[in-house]
Amino acid sequence: EELIETALEADEDLLMEYLEEGTEPSMDEIKRCIRQGTRD
């Protein structure tokens, strides 16, 4: 849970969706966010 919340900070839209509606993004989206956050 902590991993997903931290990773989604790289994409605000996905983060809002996850926090408000509780819908978990797909594995590819999570990996994309981890990649983005690692790069930044």
ModelCIF file with pLDDT and N, C-alpha, C, O atoms, coordinates in Angstrom:
data_MODEL
#
_entry.id   MODEL 
#
_entity.id                         1 
_entity.type                       polymer 
_entity.pdbx_number_of_molecules   1 
#
_entity_poly.entity_id                      1 
_entity_poly.type                           'polypeptide(L)' 
_entity_poly.nstd_linkage                   no 
_entity_poly.nstd_monomer                   no 
_entity_poly.pdbx_seq_one_letter_code       EELIETALEADEDLLMEYLEEGTEPSMDEIKRCIRQGTRD 
_entity_poly.pdbx_seq_one_letter_code_can   EELIETALEADEDLLMEYLEEGTEPSMDEIKRCIRQGTRD 
_entity_poly.pdbx_strand_id                 A 
#
loop_
_entity_poly_seq.entity_id 
_entity_poly_seq.num 
_entity_poly_seq.mon_id 
_entity_poly_seq.hetero 
1 1  GLU n 
1 2  GLU n 
1 3  LEU n 
1 4  ILE n 
1 5  GLU n 
1 6  THR n 
1 7  ALA n 
1 8  LEU n 
1 9  GLU n 
1 10 ALA n 
1 11 ASP n 
1 12 GLU n 
1 13 ASP n 
1 14 LEU n 
1 15 LEU n 
1 16 MET n 
1 17 GLU n 
1 18 TYR n 
1 19 LEU n 
1 20 GLU n 
1 21 GLU n 
1 22 GLY n 
1 23 THR n 
1 24 GLU n 
1 25 PRO n 
1 26 SER n 
1 27 MET n 
1 28 ASP n 
1 29 GLU n 
1 30 ILE n 
1 31 LYS n 
1 32 ARG n 
1 33 CYS n 
1 34 ILE n 
1 35 ARG n 
1 36 GLN n 
1 37 GLY n 
1 38 THR n 
1 39 ARG n 
1 40 ASP n 
#
_struct_asym.id          A 
_struct_asym.entity_id   1 
#
loop_
_ma_qa_metric.id 
_ma_qa_metric.mode 
_ma_qa_metric.name 
_ma_qa_metric.software_group_id 
_ma_qa_metric.type 
1 global pLDDT . pLDDT 
2 local  pLDDT . pLDDT 
#
_ma_qa_metric_global.metric_id      1 
_ma_qa_metric_global.metric_value   87.80 
_ma_qa_metric_global.model_id       1 
_ma_qa_metric_global.ordinal_id     1 
#
loop_
_ma_qa_metric_local.label_asym_id 
_ma_qa_metric_local.label_comp_id 
_ma_qa_metric_local.label_seq_id 
_ma_qa_metric_local.metric_id 
_ma_qa_metric_local.metric_value 
_ma_qa_metric_local.model_id 
_ma_qa_metric_local.ordinal_id 
A GLU 1  2 89.00 1 1  
A GLU 2  2 90.00 1 2  
A LEU 3  2 90.00 1 3  
A ILE 4  2 89.00 1 4  
A GLU 5  2 88.00 1 5  
A THR 6  2 90.00 1 6  
A ALA 7  2 89.00 1 7  
A LEU 8  2 90.00 1 8  
A GLU 9  2 88.00 1 9  
A ALA 10 2 86.00 1 10 
A ASP 11 2 87.00 1 11 
A GLU 12 2 87.00 1 12 
A ASP 13 2 87.00 1 13 
A LEU 14 2 87.00 1 14 
A LEU 15 2 86.00 1 15 
A MET 16 2 88.00 1 16 
A GLU 17 2 86.00 1 17 
A TYR 18 2 84.00 1 18 
A LEU 19 2 84.00 1 19 
A GLU 20 2 84.00 1 20 
A GLU 21 2 82.00 1 21 
A GLY 22 2 78.00 1 22 
A THR 23 2 80.00 1 23 
A GLU 24 2 84.00 1 24 
A PRO 25 2 86.00 1 25 
A SER 26 2 87.00 1 26 
A MET 27 2 89.00 1 27 
A ASP 28 2 90.00 1 28 
A GLU 29 2 90.00 1 29 
A ILE 30 2 90.00 1 30 
A LYS 31 2 91.00 1 31 
A ARG 32 2 91.00 1 32 
A CYS 33 2 91.00 1 33 
A ILE 34 2 91.00 1 34 
A ARG 35 2 90.00 1 35 
A GLN 36 2 91.00 1 36 
A GLY 37 2 91.00 1 37 
A THR 38 2 91.00 1 38 
A ARG 39 2 90.00 1 39 
A ASP 40 2 90.00 1 40 
#
loop_
_atom_site.group_PDB 
_atom_site.id 
_atom_site.type_symbol 
_atom_site.label_atom_id 
_atom_site.label_alt_id 
_atom_site.label_comp_id 
_atom_site.label_asym_id 
_atom_site.label_entity_id 
_atom_site.label_seq_id 
_atom_site.pdbx_PDB_ins_code 
_atom_site.Cartn_x 
_atom_site.Cartn_y 
_atom_site.Cartn_z 
_atom_site.occupancy 
_atom_site.B_iso_or_equiv 
_atom_site.pdbx_formal_charge 
_atom_site.auth_seq_id 
_atom_site.auth_comp_id 
_atom_site.auth_asym_id 
_atom_site.auth_atom_id 
_atom_site.pdbx_PDB_model_num 
ATOM 1   N N  . GLU A 1 1  ? 0.838   -1.200 0.000   1.00 89.00 ? 1  GLU A N  1 
ATOM 2   C CA . GLU A 1 1  ? 0.000   0.000  0.000   1.00 89.00 ? 1  GLU A CA 1 
ATOM 3   C C  . GLU A 1 1  ? 0.881   1.261  0.000   1.00 89.00 ? 1  GLU A C  1 
ATOM 4   O O  . GLU A 1 1  ? 0.624   2.223  -0.724  1.00 89.00 ? 1  GLU A O  1 
ATOM 5   N N  . GLU A 1 2  ? 1.918   1.220  0.830   1.00 90.00 ? 2  GLU A N  1 
ATOM 6   C CA . GLU A 1 2  ? 2.834   2.373  0.911   1.00 90.00 ? 2  GLU A CA 1 
ATOM 7   C C  . GLU A 1 2  ? 3.542   2.567  -0.435  1.00 90.00 ? 2  GLU A C  1 
ATOM 8   O O  . GLU A 1 2  ? 3.730   3.690  -0.902  1.00 90.00 ? 2  GLU A O  1 
ATOM 9   N N  . LEU A 1 3  ? 3.929   1.438  -1.044  1.00 90.00 ? 3  LEU A N  1 
ATOM 10  C CA . LEU A 1 3  ? 4.640   1.497  -2.327  1.00 90.00 ? 3  LEU A CA 1 
ATOM 11  C C  . LEU A 1 3  ? 3.755   2.180  -3.385  1.00 90.00 ? 3  LEU A C  1 
ATOM 12  O O  . LEU A 1 3  ? 4.210   3.057  -4.119  1.00 90.00 ? 3  LEU A O  1 
ATOM 13  N N  . ILE A 1 4  ? 2.486   1.759  -3.444  1.00 89.00 ? 4  ILE A N  1 
ATOM 14  C CA . ILE A 1 4  ? 1.601   2.314  -4.486  1.00 89.00 ? 4  ILE A CA 1 
ATOM 15  C C  . ILE A 1 4  ? 1.375   3.807  -4.242  1.00 89.00 ? 4  ILE A C  1 
ATOM 16  O O  . ILE A 1 4  ? 1.439   4.610  -5.173  1.00 89.00 ? 4  ILE A O  1 
ATOM 17  N N  . GLU A 1 5  ? 1.108   4.177  -2.977  1.00 88.00 ? 5  GLU A N  1 
ATOM 18  C CA . GLU A 1 5  ? 0.882   5.604  -2.685  1.00 88.00 ? 5  GLU A CA 1 
ATOM 19  C C  . GLU A 1 5  ? 2.099   6.448  -3.051  1.00 88.00 ? 5  GLU A C  1 
ATOM 20  O O  . GLU A 1 5  ? 1.968   7.515  -3.652  1.00 88.00 ? 5  GLU A O  1 
ATOM 21  N N  . THR A 1 6  ? 3.292   5.959  -2.681  1.00 90.00 ? 6  THR A N  1 
ATOM 22  C CA . THR A 1 6  ? 4.514   6.727  -2.980  1.00 90.00 ? 6  THR A CA 1 
ATOM 23  C C  . THR A 1 6  ? 4.738   6.810  -4.486  1.00 90.00 ? 6  THR A C  1 
ATOM 24  O O  . THR A 1 6  ? 5.060   7.875  -5.013  1.00 90.00 ? 6  THR A O  1 
ATOM 25  N N  . ALA A 1 7  ? 4.564   5.680  -5.178  1.00 89.00 ? 7  ALA A N  1 
ATOM 26  C CA . ALA A 1 7  ? 4.815   5.653  -6.624  1.00 89.00 ? 7  ALA A CA 1 
ATOM 27  C C  . ALA A 1 7  ? 3.870   6.594  -7.365  1.00 89.00 ? 7  ALA A C  1 
ATOM 28  O O  . ALA A 1 7  ? 4.272   7.269  -8.313  1.00 89.00 ? 7  ALA A O  1 
ATOM 29  N N  . LEU A 1 8  ? 2.603   6.633  -6.924  1.00 90.00 ? 8  LEU A N  1 
ATOM 30  C CA . LEU A 1 8  ? 1.607   7.440  -7.651  1.00 90.00 ? 8  LEU A CA 1 
ATOM 31  C C  . LEU A 1 8  ? 1.829   8.948  -7.479  1.00 90.00 ? 8  LEU A C  1 
ATOM 32  O O  . LEU A 1 8  ? 1.201   9.752  -8.167  1.00 90.00 ? 8  LEU A O  1 
ATOM 33  N N  . GLU A 1 9  ? 2.718   9.324  -6.566  1.00 88.00 ? 9  GLU A N  1 
ATOM 34  C CA . GLU A 1 9  ? 3.015   10.767 -6.452  1.00 88.00 ? 9  GLU A CA 1 
ATOM 35  C C  . GLU A 1 9  ? 3.588   11.295 -7.760  1.00 88.00 ? 9  GLU A C  1 
ATOM 36  O O  . GLU A 1 9  ? 3.567   12.499 -8.016  1.00 88.00 ? 9  GLU A O  1 
ATOM 37  N N  . ALA A 1 10 ? 4.101   10.387 -8.587  1.00 86.00 ? 10 ALA A N  1 
ATOM 38  C CA . ALA A 1 10 ? 4.663   10.814 -9.873  1.00 86.00 ? 10 ALA A CA 1 
ATOM 39  C C  . ALA A 1 10 ? 3.557   11.137 -10.887 1.00 86.00 ? 10 ALA A C  1 
ATOM 40  O O  . ALA A 1 10 ? 3.835   11.713 -11.939 1.00 86.00 ? 10 ALA A O  1 
ATOM 41  N N  . ASP A 1 11 ? 2.302   10.767 -10.576 1.00 87.00 ? 11 ASP A N  1 
ATOM 42  C CA . ASP A 1 11 ? 1.194   11.052 -11.502 1.00 87.00 ? 11 ASP A CA 1 
ATOM 43  C C  . ASP A 1 11 ? -0.024  11.447 -10.678 1.00 87.00 ? 11 ASP A C  1 
ATOM 44  O O  . ASP A 1 11 ? -0.696  10.589 -10.105 1.00 87.00 ? 11 ASP A O  1 
ATOM 45  N N  . GLU A 1 12 ? -0.308  12.737 -10.619 1.00 87.00 ? 12 GLU A N  1 
ATOM 46  C CA . GLU A 1 12 ? -1.346  13.239 -9.699  1.00 87.00 ? 12 GLU A CA 1 
ATOM 47  C C  . GLU A 1 12 ? -2.736  12.690 -10.005 1.00 87.00 ? 12 GLU A C  1 
ATOM 48  O O  . GLU A 1 12 ? -3.504  12.394 -9.090  1.00 87.00 ? 12 GLU A O  1 
ATOM 49  N N  . ASP A 1 13 ? -3.058  12.554 -11.293 1.00 87.00 ? 13 ASP A N  1 
ATOM 50  C CA . ASP A 1 13 ? -4.403  12.079 -11.656 1.00 87.00 ? 13 ASP A CA 1 
ATOM 51  C C  . ASP A 1 13 ? -4.646  10.680 -11.092 1.00 87.00 ? 13 ASP A C  1 
ATOM 52  O O  . ASP A 1 13 ? -5.686  10.411 -10.489 1.00 87.00 ? 13 ASP A O  1 
ATOM 53  N N  . LEU A 1 14 ? -3.664  9.793  -11.299 1.00 87.00 ? 14 LEU A N  1 
ATOM 54  C CA . LEU A 1 14 ? -3.808  8.423  -10.796 1.00 87.00 ? 14 LEU A CA 1 
ATOM 55  C C  . LEU A 1 14 ? -3.900  8.421  -9.272  1.00 87.00 ? 14 LEU A C  1 
ATOM 56  O O  . LEU A 1 14 ? -4.643  7.634  -8.686  1.00 87.00 ? 14 LEU A O  1 
ATOM 57  N N  . LEU A 1 15 ? -3.138  9.311  -8.639  1.00 86.00 ? 15 LEU A N  1 
ATOM 58  C CA . LEU A 1 15 ? -3.122  9.349  -7.171  1.00 86.00 ? 15 LEU A CA 1 
ATOM 59  C C  . LEU A 1 15 ? -4.492  9.767  -6.638  1.00 86.00 ? 15 LEU A C  1 
ATOM 60  O O  . LEU A 1 15 ? -5.010  9.162  -5.699  1.00 86.00 ? 15 LEU A O  1 
ATOM 61  N N  . MET A 1 16 ? -5.083  10.819 -7.250  1.00 88.00 ? 16 MET A N  1 
ATOM 62  C CA . MET A 1 16 ? -6.407  11.294 -6.805  1.00 88.00 ? 16 MET A CA 1 
ATOM 63  C C  . MET A 1 16 ? -7.440  10.168 -6.963  1.00 88.00 ? 16 MET A C  1 
ATOM 64  O O  . MET A 1 16 ? -8.248  9.909  -6.071  1.00 88.00 ? 16 MET A O  1 
ATOM 65  N N  . GLU A 1 17 ? -7.385  9.514  -8.119  1.00 86.00 ? 17 GLU A N  1 
ATOM 66  C CA . GLU A 1 17 ? -8.320  8.430  -8.412  1.00 86.00 ? 17 GLU A CA 1 
ATOM 67  C C  . GLU A 1 17 ? -8.199  7.327  -7.346  1.00 86.00 ? 17 GLU A C  1 
ATOM 68  O O  . GLU A 1 17 ? -9.194  6.802  -6.846  1.00 86.00 ? 17 GLU A O  1 
ATOM 69  N N  . TYR A 1 18 ? -6.949  7.004  -7.026  1.00 84.00 ? 18 TYR A N  1 
ATOM 70  C CA . TYR A 1 18 ? -6.674  5.924  -6.061  1.00 84.00 ? 18 TYR A CA 1 
ATOM 71  C C  . TYR A 1 18 ? -7.163  6.310  -4.658  1.00 84.00 ? 18 TYR A C  1 
ATOM 72  O O  . TYR A 1 18 ? -7.758  5.490  -3.959  1.00 84.00 ? 18 TYR A O  1 
ATOM 73  N N  . LEU A 1 19 ? -6.909  7.568  -4.251  1.00 84.00 ? 19 LEU A N  1 
ATOM 74  C CA . LEU A 1 19 ? -7.277  7.989  -2.897  1.00 84.00 ? 19 LEU A CA 1 
ATOM 75  C C  . LEU A 1 19 ? -8.786  8.203  -2.762  1.00 84.00 ? 19 LEU A C  1 
ATOM 76  O O  . LEU A 1 19 ? -9.376  7.883  -1.730  1.00 84.00 ? 19 LEU A O  1 
ATOM 77  N N  . GLU A 1 20 ? -9.415  8.759  -3.836  1.00 84.00 ? 20 GLU A N  1 
ATOM 78  C CA . GLU A 1 20 ? -10.846 9.077  -3.719  1.00 84.00 ? 20 GLU A CA 1 
ATOM 79  C C  . GLU A 1 20 ? -11.727 7.861  -3.987  1.00 84.00 ? 20 GLU A C  1 
ATOM 80  O O  . GLU A 1 20 ? -12.678 7.590  -3.254  1.00 84.00 ? 20 GLU A O  1 
ATOM 81  N N  . GLU A 1 21 ? -11.388 7.129  -5.064  1.00 82.00 ? 21 GLU A N  1 
ATOM 82  C CA . GLU A 1 21 ? -12.283 6.026  -5.439  1.00 82.00 ? 21 GLU A CA 1 
ATOM 83  C C  . GLU A 1 21 ? -11.745 4.660  -5.029  1.00 82.00 ? 21 GLU A C  1 
ATOM 84  O O  . GLU A 1 21 ? -12.460 3.660  -5.088  1.00 82.00 ? 21 GLU A O  1 
ATOM 85  N N  . GLY A 1 22 ? -10.477 4.622  -4.611  1.00 78.00 ? 22 GLY A N  1 
ATOM 86  C CA . GLY A 1 22 ? -9.905  3.344  -4.182  1.00 78.00 ? 22 GLY A CA 1 
ATOM 87  C C  . GLY A 1 22 ? -9.611  2.400  -5.333  1.00 78.00 ? 22 GLY A C  1 
ATOM 88  O O  . GLY A 1 22 ? -9.337  1.220  -5.112  1.00 78.00 ? 22 GLY A O  1 
ATOM 89  N N  . THR A 1 23 ? -9.664  2.921  -6.603  1.00 80.00 ? 23 THR A N  1 
ATOM 90  C CA . THR A 1 23 ? -9.358  2.019  -7.729  1.00 80.00 ? 23 THR A CA 1 
ATOM 91  C C  . THR A 1 23 ? -7.848  1.924  -7.901  1.00 80.00 ? 23 THR A C  1 
ATOM 92  O O  . THR A 1 23 ? -7.146  2.927  -8.028  1.00 80.00 ? 23 THR A O  1 
ATOM 93  N N  . GLU A 1 24 ? -7.382  0.697  -7.901  1.00 84.00 ? 24 GLU A N  1 
ATOM 94  C CA . GLU A 1 24 ? -5.928  0.528  -8.026  1.00 84.00 ? 24 GLU A CA 1 
ATOM 95  C C  . GLU A 1 24 ? -5.533  0.541  -9.497  1.00 84.00 ? 24 GLU A C  1 
ATOM 96  O O  . GLU A 1 24 ? -6.148  -0.144 -10.315 1.00 84.00 ? 24 GLU A O  1 
ATOM 97  N N  . PRO A 1 25 ? -4.504  1.321  -9.836  1.00 86.00 ? 25 PRO A N  1 
ATOM 98  C CA . PRO A 1 25 ? -4.067  1.367  -11.240 1.00 86.00 ? 25 PRO A CA 1 
ATOM 99  C C  . PRO A 1 25 ? -3.498  0.008  -11.675 1.00 86.00 ? 25 PRO A C  1 
ATOM 100 O O  . PRO A 1 25 ? -3.202  -0.853 -10.846 1.00 86.00 ? 25 PRO A O  1 
ATOM 101 N N  . SER A 1 26 ? -3.355  -0.158 -12.991 1.00 87.00 ? 26 SER A N  1 
ATOM 102 C CA . SER A 1 26 ? -2.822  -1.437 -13.497 1.00 87.00 ? 26 SER A CA 1 
ATOM 103 C C  . SER A 1 26 ? -1.329  -1.541 -13.178 1.00 87.00 ? 26 SER A C  1 
ATOM 104 O O  . SER A 1 26 ? -0.674  -0.551 -12.852 1.00 87.00 ? 26 SER A O  1 
ATOM 105 N N  . MET A 1 27 ? -0.813  -2.769 -13.283 1.00 89.00 ? 27 MET A N  1 
ATOM 106 C CA . MET A 1 27 ? 0.608   -3.011 -13.000 1.00 89.00 ? 27 MET A CA 1 
ATOM 107 C C  . MET A 1 27 ? 1.496   -2.138 -13.884 1.00 89.00 ? 27 MET A C  1 
ATOM 108 O O  . MET A 1 27 ? 2.501   -1.599 -13.420 1.00 89.00 ? 27 MET A O  1 
ATOM 109 N N  . ASP A 1 28 ? 1.120   -1.999 -15.165 1.00 90.00 ? 28 ASP A N  1 
ATOM 110 C CA . ASP A 1 28 ? 1.939   -1.193 -16.081 1.00 90.00 ? 28 ASP A CA 1 
ATOM 111 C C  . ASP A 1 28 ? 1.988   0.263  -15.641 1.00 90.00 ? 28 ASP A C  1 
ATOM 112 O O  . ASP A 1 28 ? 3.027   0.919  -15.717 1.00 90.00 ? 28 ASP A O  1 
ATOM 113 N N  . GLU A 1 29 ? 0.817   0.763  -15.170 1.00 90.00 ? 29 GLU A N  1 
ATOM 114 C CA . GLU A 1 29 ? 0.783   2.173  -14.737 1.00 90.00 ? 29 GLU A CA 1 
ATOM 115 C C  . GLU A 1 29 ? 1.643   2.375  -13.489 1.00 90.00 ? 29 GLU A C  1 
ATOM 116 O O  . GLU A 1 29 ? 2.348   3.376  -13.360 1.00 90.00 ? 29 GLU A O  1 
ATOM 117 N N  . ILE A 1 30 ? 1.572   1.405  -12.571 1.00 90.00 ? 30 ILE A N  1 
ATOM 118 C CA . ILE A 1 30 ? 2.392   1.527  -11.349 1.00 90.00 ? 30 ILE A CA 1 
ATOM 119 C C  . ILE A 1 30 ? 3.874   1.532  -11.731 1.00 90.00 ? 30 ILE A C  1 
ATOM 120 O O  . ILE A 1 30 ? 4.651   2.346  -11.233 1.00 90.00 ? 30 ILE A O  1 
ATOM 121 N N  . LYS A 1 31 ? 4.254   0.610  -12.624 1.00 91.00 ? 31 LYS A N  1 
ATOM 122 C CA . LYS A 1 31 ? 5.669   0.545  -13.028 1.00 91.00 ? 31 LYS A CA 1 
ATOM 123 C C  . LYS A 1 31 ? 6.094   1.840  -13.724 1.00 91.00 ? 31 LYS A C  1 
ATOM 124 O O  . LYS A 1 31 ? 7.209   2.324  -13.533 1.00 91.00 ? 31 LYS A O  1 
ATOM 125 N N  . ARG A 1 32 ? 5.185   2.393  -14.534 1.00 91.00 ? 32 ARG A N  1 
ATOM 126 C CA . ARG A 1 32 ? 5.514   3.647  -15.230 1.00 91.00 ? 32 ARG A CA 1 
ATOM 127 C C  . ARG A 1 32 ? 5.775   4.748  -14.208 1.00 91.00 ? 32 ARG A C  1 
ATOM 128 O O  . ARG A 1 32 ? 6.698   5.547  -14.364 1.00 91.00 ? 32 ARG A O  1 
ATOM 129 N N  . CYS A 1 33 ? 4.942   4.781  -13.148 1.00 91.00 ? 33 CYS A N  1 
ATOM 130 C CA . CYS A 1 33 ? 5.115   5.806  -12.111 1.00 91.00 ? 33 CYS A CA 1 
ATOM 131 C C  . CYS A 1 33 ? 6.426   5.599  -11.336 1.00 91.00 ? 33 CYS A C  1 
ATOM 132 O O  . CYS A 1 33 ? 7.126   6.557  -11.008 1.00 91.00 ? 33 CYS A O  1 
ATOM 133 N N  . ILE A 1 34 ? 6.743   4.323  -11.052 1.00 91.00 ? 34 ILE A N  1 
ATOM 134 C CA . ILE A 1 34 ? 7.999   4.064  -10.325 1.00 91.00 ? 34 ILE A CA 1 
ATOM 135 C C  . ILE A 1 34 ? 9.172   4.531  -11.187 1.00 91.00 ? 34 ILE A C  1 
ATOM 136 O O  . ILE A 1 34 ? 10.126  5.134  -10.697 1.00 91.00 ? 34 ILE A O  1 
ATOM 137 N N  . ARG A 1 35 ? 9.073   4.235  -12.484 1.00 90.00 ? 35 ARG A N  1 
ATOM 138 C CA . ARG A 1 35 ? 10.168  4.623  -13.390 1.00 90.00 ? 35 ARG A CA 1 
ATOM 139 C C  . ARG A 1 35 ? 10.321  6.145  -13.412 1.00 90.00 ? 35 ARG A C  1 
ATOM 140 O O  . ARG A 1 35 ? 11.426  6.681  -13.340 1.00 90.00 ? 35 ARG A O  1 
ATOM 141 N N  . GLN A 1 36 ? 9.166   6.827  -13.516 1.00 91.00 ? 36 GLN A N  1 
ATOM 142 C CA . GLN A 1 36 ? 9.179   8.295  -13.560 1.00 91.00 ? 36 GLN A CA 1 
ATOM 143 C C  . GLN A 1 36 ? 9.763   8.879  -12.261 1.00 91.00 ? 36 GLN A C  1 
ATOM 144 O O  . GLN A 1 36 ? 10.615  9.766  -12.297 1.00 91.00 ? 36 GLN A O  1 
ATOM 145 N N  . GLY A 1 37 ? 9.291   8.367  -11.122 1.00 91.00 ? 37 GLY A N  1 
ATOM 146 C CA . GLY A 1 37 ? 9.742   8.892  -9.828  1.00 91.00 ? 37 GLY A CA 1 
ATOM 147 C C  . GLY A 1 37 ? 11.217  8.611  -9.571  1.00 91.00 ? 37 GLY A C  1 
ATOM 148 O O  . GLY A 1 37 ? 11.918  9.419  -8.961  1.00 91.00 ? 37 GLY A O  1 
ATOM 149 N N  . THR A 1 38 ? 11.683  7.443  -10.048 1.00 91.00 ? 38 THR A N  1 
ATOM 150 C CA . THR A 1 38 ? 13.105  7.095  -9.887  1.00 91.00 ? 38 THR A CA 1 
ATOM 151 C C  . THR A 1 38 ? 13.950  8.048  -10.717 1.00 91.00 ? 38 THR A C  1 
ATOM 152 O O  . THR A 1 38 ? 14.998  8.525  -10.281 1.00 91.00 ? 38 THR A O  1 
ATOM 153 N N  . ARG A 1 39 ? 13.461  8.315  -11.934 1.00 90.00 ? 39 ARG A N  1 
ATOM 154 C CA . ARG A 1 39 ? 14.209  9.194  -12.838 1.00 90.00 ? 39 ARG A CA 1 
ATOM 155 C C  . ARG A 1 39 ? 14.273  10.613 -12.296 1.00 90.00 ? 39 ARG A C  1 
ATOM 156 O O  . ARG A 1 39 ? 15.274  11.306 -12.474 1.00 90.00 ? 39 ARG A O  1 
ATOM 157 N N  . ASP A 1 40 ? 13.186  11.052 -11.623 1.00 90.00 ? 40 ASP A N  1 
ATOM 158 C CA . ASP A 1 40 ? 13.154  12.423 -11.087 1.00 90.00 ? 40 ASP A CA 1 
ATOM 159 C C  . ASP A 1 40 ? 13.756  12.506 -9.682  1.00 90.00 ? 40 ASP A C  1 
ATOM 160 O O  . ASP A 1 40 ? 13.804  13.586 -9.093  1.00 90.00 ? 40 ASP A O  1 
#
